[in-house]
Amino acid sequence: MPLRLDTRDAGFVAAFDDLVNARREADDDVSRAVSAIRAEVRERGDGALKDLTAKFDGHDLDITGWQVPRAERQAALAALSPDLRAALELAAERITAYHVAQKPTDSETIDAAGVRMGARWRGVDAAGLYVPGGRAAYPSSVLMNAIPARVAGVGRLAMVTPTPRGETNPLVLAAAEIAGVDEMWRVGGAQAIAALAYGTDRIAPVDVVVGPGNAWVAEAKRQLYGVVGIDMVAGPSEIVVVADAANDPAWIAADLLSQAEHDPTSQSILFTDDAAFADAVAAEVDRQIATLATGATARTSWDANGAIILVTDLAATPALVDRLAPEHLELAVADPEPLFAAVRHAGSVFLGRHTPEAVGDYVGGPNHVLPTGRRARFSSGLSVLDFMKRTSFLACDAASIGRIGPAAVALAEAEGLPAHARSVAVRL
């Protein structure tokens, strides 16, 4: 059964602290194993990838092929039903429009001293896109990772995805074609992240690696940050729903289960101010789990990590939500704006009764690659900025350096750096 808490209970503060601080990442210490894989790929390159793919994914890359040919992706797209192709293309169109509006612009100004300064934005040369292929094989993840990179102006998109027993998911292939992926490699796991970071004879290195994955993938990204840029270290999925009794309990139950079905370590939490509604949602969750093909996973997640929290006033929930800093936050109330204004920490917020989190996973527009594990306190969802870097620039003429240069000389001398001081002073 999920955890039940009530803010009026004497032990609420301690129990809520335990909920906030509970670890849901994999218990296994994968750091040492990932470190060994990383070293093996750096040392042996393609040979390591071939051996590790045979070990973990059960196929020989020399037989199944290292890359998925463009023609195979095109054929997968052509074979889609018209409705499914239209859905993918609508999703791509909306994701593109959102991220185009997000793209930063160059800036330039001349200040009162006559100094010209500003910044310019440029995309990285190459990006690596990790797309899960084991428990989760999602074409939506292809679109969410590749499209912002394309919008940012990245020159080369190299996608890696595990293909168990050499089998590919046609929807993933079709999405890669729609998103304009340049290369699609049949490798996954920590070894794929290492290959993208270090490069091998076959796979050229990239500048940034993005995309969700299991604990091994997340740990590989963490270890290789600095060799390459990364978007984030992601953990299990999570959703917090703030709902009043005017909602249909079946709707809210479905929203909670939309994340619970991802993984046994996912987390779904309901805040409500009505005890009878809380009971109705709990009953509806139990009823719906029995109808889901993913019911076993959802049941484990709901029972082990789910929570229903009763509050006296929904106006008090933003402070509690901020403690959780959830990946997804639904504000299922008639007027969500006051609550939205008060929330500081959430990966993505879904406003009103008719905005389920799941619509954001596919066709909403904003990115669904979001910070988990309370990391929304200090990080943001995937965006074009993850594929771009800012270069500042400065230009002085004789008059402007004459105005600001003496202060630079004084500061350099105070810091004990005479060559710095002379570099400016010779121009005065």
Protein backbone atom coordinates (compact mmCIF):
# COMPACT_ATOMS: atom_id res chain seq x y z
CA MET A 1 0.00 0.00 0.00
CA PRO A 2 1.22 3.55 -0.65
CA LEU A 3 2.25 5.81 2.21
CA ARG A 4 -0.61 7.84 3.73
CA LEU A 5 0.27 11.11 5.48
CA ASP A 6 -1.80 13.88 7.04
CA THR A 7 -0.32 17.30 7.80
CA ARG A 8 -2.40 17.40 11.01
CA ASP A 9 -0.68 14.33 12.48
CA ALA A 10 1.99 14.85 15.12
CA GLY A 11 4.53 12.79 13.22
CA PHE A 12 3.96 14.41 9.83
CA VAL A 13 7.14 16.51 9.70
CA ALA A 14 9.42 13.54 10.38
CA ALA A 15 7.51 11.26 8.01
CA PHE A 16 7.57 13.84 5.22
CA ASP A 17 11.30 14.36 5.76
CA ASP A 18 11.79 10.62 5.29
CA LEU A 19 9.76 10.74 2.07
CA VAL A 20 11.80 13.65 0.72
CA ASN A 21 15.14 12.07 1.57
CA ALA A 22 14.39 8.49 0.53
CA ARG A 23 16.72 7.17 -2.17
CA ARG A 24 15.10 5.48 -5.15
CA GLU A 25 18.14 5.13 -7.36
CA ALA A 26 19.38 1.60 -7.92
CA ASP A 27 20.83 0.10 -4.77
CA ASP A 28 23.62 -1.71 -6.61
CA ASP A 29 26.94 0.08 -6.58
CA VAL A 30 27.48 0.37 -10.31
CA SER A 31 30.24 2.96 -10.11
CA ARG A 32 33.12 0.47 -10.12
CA ALA A 33 31.61 -1.58 -12.94
CA VAL A 34 31.00 1.50 -15.06
CA SER A 35 34.54 2.69 -14.42
CA ALA A 36 35.86 -0.65 -15.68
CA ILE A 37 33.68 -0.47 -18.81
CA ARG A 38 34.79 3.09 -19.46
CA ALA A 39 38.46 2.07 -19.21
CA GLU A 40 37.90 -0.93 -21.46
CA VAL A 41 36.26 1.15 -24.20
CA ARG A 42 39.01 3.74 -24.01
CA GLU A 43 41.67 1.03 -24.27
CA ARG A 44 40.10 -1.34 -26.81
CA GLY A 45 37.59 0.83 -28.65
CA ASP A 46 35.44 -1.10 -31.11
CA GLY A 47 36.66 -4.44 -29.79
CA ALA A 48 35.25 -3.60 -26.37
CA LEU A 49 31.96 -2.44 -27.91
CA LYS A 50 31.65 -5.70 -29.86
CA ASP A 51 32.32 -7.86 -26.79
CA LEU A 52 30.09 -5.88 -24.43
CA THR A 53 27.22 -5.82 -26.93
CA ALA A 54 27.44 -9.60 -27.28
CA LYS A 55 27.46 -9.91 -23.48
CA PHE A 56 24.62 -7.55 -22.63
CA ASP A 57 22.47 -7.44 -25.79
CA GLY A 58 23.03 -10.93 -27.17
CA HIS A 59 24.13 -10.21 -30.74
CA ASP A 60 27.27 -9.87 -32.85
CA LEU A 61 27.67 -6.37 -34.27
CA ASP A 62 29.68 -7.73 -37.20
CA ILE A 63 26.63 -9.82 -38.18
CA THR A 64 23.70 -7.55 -37.30
CA GLY A 65 25.56 -4.41 -38.39
CA TRP A 66 27.10 -1.64 -36.33
CA GLN A 67 24.82 1.03 -37.77
CA VAL A 68 21.20 1.07 -38.78
CA PRO A 69 21.31 2.15 -42.44
CA ARG A 70 19.41 5.25 -43.51
CA ALA A 71 17.40 3.12 -45.92
CA GLU A 72 16.12 1.00 -43.03
CA ARG A 73 14.98 4.11 -41.17
CA GLN A 74 13.27 5.43 -44.28
CA ALA A 75 11.52 2.10 -44.80
CA ALA A 76 10.31 2.09 -41.20
CA LEU A 77 8.84 5.56 -41.65
CA ALA A 78 7.17 4.61 -44.91
CA ALA A 79 5.65 1.51 -43.31
CA LEU A 80 3.93 3.38 -40.50
CA SER A 81 0.16 3.62 -40.50
CA PRO A 82 -1.01 7.07 -41.65
CA ASP A 83 -2.42 7.86 -38.20
CA LEU A 84 0.78 6.95 -36.36
CA ARG A 85 2.96 8.81 -38.84
CA ALA A 86 0.74 11.87 -38.50
CA ALA A 87 1.03 11.66 -34.70
CA LEU A 88 4.83 11.53 -34.83
CA GLU A 89 4.96 14.40 -37.31
CA LEU A 90 2.59 16.50 -35.19
CA ALA A 91 4.77 15.84 -32.15
CA ALA A 92 7.90 16.81 -34.11
CA GLU A 93 6.26 19.98 -35.38
CA ARG A 94 5.20 21.10 -31.91
CA ILE A 95 8.52 20.21 -30.27
CA THR A 96 10.36 22.12 -33.00
CA ALA A 97 8.20 25.23 -32.61
CA TYR A 98 8.69 25.30 -28.84
CA HIS A 99 12.47 24.96 -29.09
CA VAL A 100 12.83 27.47 -31.92
CA ALA A 101 11.21 30.05 -29.63
CA GLN A 102 13.66 29.03 -26.90
CA LYS A 103 16.80 29.64 -28.97
CA PRO A 104 18.89 32.52 -27.59
CA THR A 105 19.99 35.45 -29.73
CA ASP A 106 23.36 37.16 -29.97
CA SER A 107 23.79 40.41 -28.07
CA GLU A 108 25.97 43.46 -28.53
CA THR A 109 26.24 46.89 -26.93
CA ILE A 110 28.58 49.86 -26.62
CA ASP A 111 28.71 51.23 -23.09
CA ALA A 112 29.28 54.75 -21.80
CA ALA A 113 33.06 54.28 -21.87
CA GLY A 114 32.92 53.41 -25.56
CA VAL A 115 33.68 49.72 -25.04
CA ARG A 116 31.96 47.32 -27.43
CA MET A 117 30.92 44.04 -25.82
CA GLY A 118 28.46 41.22 -26.14
CA ALA A 119 27.98 37.53 -26.63
CA ARG A 120 27.33 35.15 -29.48
CA TRP A 121 25.74 31.70 -29.36
CA ARG A 122 26.84 28.73 -31.46
CA GLY A 123 25.85 25.09 -31.52
CA VAL A 124 28.39 22.40 -30.70
CA ASP A 125 29.89 20.45 -33.59
CA ALA A 126 28.53 17.04 -32.62
CA ALA A 127 26.01 15.64 -30.14
CA GLY A 128 25.44 12.10 -28.94
CA LEU A 129 21.86 11.05 -28.29
CA TYR A 130 21.17 8.10 -26.00
CA VAL A 131 17.83 6.41 -26.57
CA PRO A 132 16.84 3.52 -24.25
CA GLY A 133 16.11 0.20 -25.87
CA GLY A 134 15.65 -2.31 -23.06
CA ARG A 135 12.70 -1.92 -20.68
CA ALA A 136 11.90 1.37 -22.45
CA ALA A 137 12.05 1.96 -26.22
CA TYR A 138 10.45 5.30 -26.85
CA PRO A 139 10.23 7.15 -30.19
CA SER A 140 9.18 10.23 -28.22
CA SER A 141 12.64 10.29 -26.60
CA VAL A 142 14.24 10.38 -30.04
CA LEU A 143 12.25 13.49 -30.94
CA MET A 144 12.81 15.18 -27.59
CA ASN A 145 16.59 14.70 -27.75
CA ALA A 146 17.29 15.19 -31.44
CA ILE A 147 15.05 18.13 -32.32
CA PRO A 148 16.52 20.65 -29.84
CA ALA A 149 19.98 19.69 -31.12
CA ARG A 150 18.91 20.35 -34.69
CA VAL A 151 17.34 23.68 -33.70
CA ALA A 152 20.57 24.64 -31.91
CA GLY A 153 22.51 24.13 -35.13
CA VAL A 154 24.49 21.02 -34.16
CA GLY A 155 26.36 19.73 -37.18
CA ARG A 156 26.29 15.98 -36.45
CA LEU A 157 23.77 13.91 -34.50
CA ALA A 158 25.01 10.46 -33.49
CA MET A 159 22.36 8.30 -31.85
CA VAL A 160 23.14 5.20 -29.83
CA THR A 161 20.55 2.68 -28.71
CA PRO A 162 20.74 -0.91 -27.48
CA THR A 163 19.11 -3.44 -29.79
CA PRO A 164 18.55 -6.63 -27.75
CA ARG A 165 19.22 -9.68 -29.94
CA GLY A 166 19.82 -7.24 -32.76
CA GLU A 167 16.15 -6.28 -33.00
CA THR A 168 15.21 -2.67 -33.67
CA ASN A 169 12.00 -0.87 -32.81
CA PRO A 170 10.37 0.40 -36.04
CA LEU A 171 8.90 3.43 -34.27
CA VAL A 172 12.33 4.43 -32.98
CA LEU A 173 13.73 4.11 -36.50
CA ALA A 174 10.91 6.21 -37.93
CA ALA A 175 11.35 8.89 -35.27
CA ALA A 176 15.09 9.05 -35.97
CA GLU A 177 14.33 9.66 -39.64
CA ILE A 178 11.79 12.39 -38.86
CA ALA A 179 14.20 14.08 -36.44
CA GLY A 180 17.09 14.10 -38.91
CA VAL A 181 19.53 11.85 -37.03
CA ASP A 182 22.78 11.43 -39.01
CA GLU A 183 24.08 8.18 -37.49
CA MET A 184 22.31 5.42 -35.56
CA TRP A 185 24.54 2.92 -33.77
CA ARG A 186 23.42 -0.44 -32.34
CA VAL A 187 25.24 -0.02 -29.03
CA GLY A 188 23.89 0.87 -25.62
CA GLY A 189 24.70 0.98 -21.93
CA ALA A 190 27.71 2.58 -20.29
CA GLN A 191 29.88 1.40 -23.20
CA ALA A 192 27.89 3.55 -25.65
CA ILE A 193 28.38 6.65 -23.51
CA ALA A 194 32.12 5.94 -23.31
CA ALA A 195 32.32 5.47 -27.08
CA LEU A 196 30.62 8.81 -27.69
CA ALA A 197 32.93 10.55 -25.24
CA TYR A 198 36.28 9.05 -26.24
CA GLY A 199 35.56 8.00 -29.79
CA THR A 200 36.54 4.71 -31.43
CA ASP A 201 37.76 3.79 -34.91
CA ARG A 202 34.13 3.60 -36.05
CA ILE A 203 32.38 6.19 -33.87
CA ALA A 204 33.80 9.70 -33.89
CA PRO A 205 33.67 11.50 -30.51
CA VAL A 206 31.01 14.10 -29.74
CA ASP A 207 30.94 17.25 -27.66
CA VAL A 208 27.71 16.69 -25.70
CA VAL A 209 25.87 13.52 -24.64
CA VAL A 210 22.19 13.70 -23.73
CA GLY A 211 19.29 11.36 -23.11
CA PRO A 212 17.77 9.16 -20.42
CA GLY A 213 18.93 5.68 -19.50
CA ASN A 214 19.30 3.19 -16.69
CA ALA A 215 21.58 3.48 -13.66
CA TRP A 216 24.60 2.38 -15.69
CA VAL A 217 24.00 5.02 -18.34
CA ALA A 218 23.45 7.73 -15.71
CA GLU A 219 26.66 6.76 -13.90
CA ALA A 220 28.64 6.73 -17.15
CA LYS A 221 27.43 10.25 -17.94
CA ARG A 222 28.40 11.38 -14.45
CA GLN A 223 31.88 9.90 -14.74
CA LEU A 224 32.49 11.28 -18.22
CA TYR A 225 31.29 14.82 -17.54
CA GLY A 226 34.23 17.02 -18.38
CA VAL A 227 35.35 14.80 -21.22
CA VAL A 228 32.01 15.71 -22.78
CA GLY A 229 29.14 17.92 -21.76
CA ILE A 230 25.99 16.21 -20.48
CA ASP A 231 22.41 17.29 -19.99
CA MET A 232 21.86 15.80 -16.52
CA VAL A 233 22.21 12.65 -14.43
CA ALA A 234 18.66 11.32 -14.47
CA GLY A 235 17.04 8.91 -12.04
CA PRO A 236 13.64 7.20 -11.74
CA SER A 237 10.55 9.02 -13.01
CA GLU A 238 8.29 10.90 -10.61
CA ILE A 239 5.04 12.84 -10.56
CA VAL A 240 3.31 14.98 -7.96
CA VAL A 241 -0.40 15.74 -8.45
CA VAL A 242 -2.17 18.48 -6.48
CA ALA A 243 -5.91 17.86 -6.83
CA ASP A 244 -9.16 18.95 -5.20
CA ALA A 245 -12.33 16.92 -4.85
CA ALA A 246 -13.89 18.44 -7.96
CA ASN A 247 -11.72 16.15 -10.08
CA ASP A 248 -12.81 12.78 -11.40
CA PRO A 249 -10.86 10.24 -9.28
CA ALA A 250 -10.36 8.08 -12.38
CA TRP A 251 -8.51 10.91 -14.12
CA ILE A 252 -6.16 11.49 -11.21
CA ALA A 253 -5.55 7.77 -10.74
CA ALA A 254 -4.59 7.49 -14.41
CA ASP A 255 -2.18 10.41 -14.01
CA LEU A 256 -0.49 8.79 -11.02
CA LEU A 257 -0.16 5.50 -12.89
CA SER A 258 1.30 7.23 -15.95
CA GLN A 259 4.58 7.44 -14.08
CA ALA A 260 4.24 4.35 -11.88
CA GLU A 261 4.19 2.14 -14.98
CA HIS A 262 7.64 3.36 -16.08
CA ASP A 263 9.70 1.46 -13.54
CA PRO A 264 9.40 -0.19 -10.10
CA THR A 265 11.46 2.68 -8.67
CA SER A 266 9.22 5.43 -10.11
CA GLN A 267 7.24 7.58 -7.67
CA SER A 268 3.70 9.01 -7.75
CA ILE A 269 2.44 11.36 -5.03
CA LEU A 270 -1.01 12.91 -4.54
CA PHE A 271 -1.73 16.01 -2.46
CA THR A 272 -5.40 16.68 -1.72
CA ASP A 273 -7.50 18.48 0.88
CA ASP A 274 -10.35 15.94 0.86
CA ALA A 275 -10.05 12.58 2.64
CA ALA A 276 -12.97 10.99 0.78
CA PHE A 277 -11.46 12.00 -2.55
CA ALA A 278 -8.12 10.53 -1.47
CA ASP A 279 -9.83 7.23 -0.73
CA ALA A 280 -11.63 7.31 -4.06
CA VAL A 281 -8.37 7.89 -5.96
CA ALA A 282 -6.65 5.06 -4.08
CA ALA A 283 -9.51 2.69 -4.95
CA GLU A 284 -9.41 3.79 -8.57
CA VAL A 285 -5.65 3.21 -8.75
CA ASP A 286 -6.20 -0.35 -7.56
CA ARG A 287 -8.95 -0.87 -10.12
CA GLN A 288 -6.93 0.53 -13.03
CA ILE A 289 -3.75 -1.36 -12.18
CA ALA A 290 -5.63 -4.60 -12.79
CA THR A 291 -6.37 -3.48 -16.37
CA LEU A 292 -2.83 -2.44 -17.34
CA ALA A 293 -0.37 -4.57 -19.28
CA THR A 294 2.23 -2.73 -17.16
CA GLY A 295 0.28 -3.47 -13.98
CA ALA A 296 2.99 -5.49 -12.24
CA THR A 297 5.50 -2.67 -12.58
CA ALA A 298 2.94 -0.04 -11.59
CA ARG A 299 1.87 -2.04 -8.55
CA THR A 300 5.43 -2.36 -7.27
CA SER A 301 6.06 1.35 -7.82
CA TRP A 302 2.80 2.46 -6.20
CA ASP A 303 3.12 0.21 -3.17
CA ALA A 304 6.81 0.88 -2.55
CA ASN A 305 7.14 4.56 -3.46
CA GLY A 306 3.66 6.07 -3.83
CA ALA A 307 2.14 8.47 -1.33
CA ILE A 308 -1.18 10.19 -0.63
CA ILE A 309 -0.83 13.31 1.48
CA LEU A 310 -3.84 15.01 3.04
CA VAL A 311 -3.51 18.76 3.65
CA THR A 312 -5.92 21.16 5.33
CA ASP A 313 -5.56 23.74 2.55
CA LEU A 314 -4.13 23.30 -0.96
CA ALA A 315 -2.54 26.74 -0.59
CA ALA A 316 -0.03 25.05 1.72
CA THR A 317 1.15 22.59 -0.92
CA PRO A 318 3.73 24.73 -2.80
CA ALA A 319 6.10 24.69 0.17
CA LEU A 320 5.81 20.90 0.37
CA VAL A 321 6.15 20.52 -3.41
CA ASP A 322 9.33 22.60 -3.32
CA ARG A 323 10.82 20.17 -0.81
CA LEU A 324 10.21 17.34 -3.28
CA ALA A 325 11.26 19.39 -6.36
CA PRO A 326 9.49 16.85 -8.59
CA GLU A 327 10.21 16.01 -12.19
CA HIS A 328 6.52 16.49 -13.09
CA LEU A 329 3.93 18.55 -11.22
CA GLU A 330 0.22 18.58 -12.07
CA LEU A 331 -1.96 21.33 -10.58
CA ALA A 332 -5.39 19.82 -11.17
CA VAL A 333 -7.52 22.62 -9.75
CA ALA A 334 -9.97 25.13 -11.22
CA ASP A 335 -7.52 28.04 -10.95
CA PRO A 336 -3.94 26.72 -10.92
CA GLU A 337 -2.23 30.10 -11.37
CA PRO A 338 -1.86 31.06 -7.66
CA LEU A 339 -0.33 27.68 -6.87
CA PHE A 340 1.88 27.85 -9.96
CA ALA A 341 3.15 31.29 -8.94
CA ALA A 342 4.09 29.98 -5.51
CA VAL A 343 6.00 26.87 -6.70
CA ARG A 344 9.73 27.40 -7.15
CA HIS A 345 11.10 23.93 -7.86
CA ALA A 346 9.67 21.57 -10.48
CA GLY A 347 10.96 20.18 -13.76
CA SER A 348 7.74 20.84 -15.68
CA VAL A 349 4.31 21.98 -14.51
CA PHE A 350 0.95 20.98 -16.01
CA LEU A 351 -1.82 23.47 -15.34
CA GLY A 352 -5.49 22.66 -14.87
CA ARG A 353 -7.70 19.59 -14.95
CA HIS A 354 -7.34 19.02 -18.70
CA THR A 355 -3.52 18.96 -18.85
CA PRO A 356 -2.26 15.50 -17.93
CA GLU A 357 1.48 15.04 -17.71
CA ALA A 358 1.29 12.39 -20.43
CA VAL A 359 0.34 14.94 -23.08
CA GLY A 360 3.66 16.63 -22.35
CA ASP A 361 5.49 13.37 -22.96
CA TYR A 362 4.38 13.41 -26.59
CA VAL A 363 2.80 16.41 -28.26
CA GLY A 364 2.74 19.30 -25.79
CA GLY A 365 5.95 20.93 -27.06
CA PRO A 366 8.18 21.46 -23.96
CA ASN A 367 10.85 18.84 -23.50
CA HIS A 368 10.10 15.70 -21.50
CA VAL A 369 13.74 15.08 -20.52
CA LEU A 370 13.61 16.57 -17.02
CA PRO A 371 15.57 16.59 -13.75
CA THR A 372 14.65 13.91 -11.23
CA GLY A 373 15.64 13.06 -7.67
CA ARG A 374 15.07 16.63 -6.35
CA ARG A 375 17.54 18.01 -8.92
CA ALA A 376 14.90 20.48 -10.13
CA ARG A 377 16.17 22.59 -7.20
CA PHE A 378 19.19 23.51 -9.33
CA SER A 379 18.72 22.22 -12.88
CA SER A 380 16.32 22.41 -15.79
CA GLY A 381 14.89 20.20 -18.49
CA LEU A 382 16.67 19.54 -21.76
CA SER A 383 16.71 22.58 -24.05
CA VAL A 384 18.55 24.07 -27.00
CA LEU A 385 20.96 25.57 -24.45
CA ASP A 386 22.33 22.09 -23.72
CA PHE A 387 23.62 21.99 -27.30
CA MET A 388 24.97 25.54 -27.44
CA LYS A 389 27.75 27.54 -25.86
CA ARG A 390 28.10 31.27 -25.38
CA THR A 391 31.22 33.15 -26.42
CA SER A 392 31.64 36.62 -25.02
CA PHE A 393 33.53 39.33 -26.91
CA LEU A 394 35.07 42.70 -26.07
CA ALA A 395 36.48 45.46 -28.26
CA CYS A 396 38.30 48.61 -27.06
CA ASP A 397 39.71 51.44 -29.10
CA ALA A 398 42.40 53.84 -27.94
CA ALA A 399 39.88 56.14 -26.28
CA SER A 400 37.92 53.48 -24.43
CA ILE A 401 40.95 51.60 -23.10
CA GLY A 402 42.22 54.96 -21.93
CA ARG A 403 39.07 55.35 -19.83
CA ILE A 404 38.96 51.90 -18.21
CA GLY A 405 42.58 50.72 -18.50
CA PRO A 406 44.05 52.54 -15.45
CA ALA A 407 41.63 50.68 -13.17
CA ALA A 408 42.73 47.36 -14.69
CA VAL A 409 46.38 48.28 -14.09
CA ALA A 410 45.64 49.14 -10.46
CA LEU A 411 43.84 45.86 -9.85
CA ALA A 412 46.53 43.77 -11.55
CA GLU A 413 49.27 45.40 -9.46
CA ALA A 414 47.22 44.83 -6.30
CA GLU A 415 46.96 41.14 -7.19
CA GLY A 416 50.71 40.87 -7.72
CA LEU A 417 50.51 40.22 -11.47
CA PRO A 418 52.88 42.71 -13.09
CA ALA A 419 52.68 41.22 -16.59
CA HIS A 420 48.90 41.68 -16.50
CA ALA A 421 49.40 45.31 -15.50
CA ARG A 422 52.03 45.91 -18.19
CA SER A 423 49.82 44.33 -20.90
CA VAL A 424 47.29 47.11 -20.31
CA ALA A 425 49.69 49.93 -19.37
CA VAL A 426 51.72 49.74 -22.61
CA ARG A 427 48.53 50.67 -24.47
CA LEU A 428 47.74 53.72 -22.36
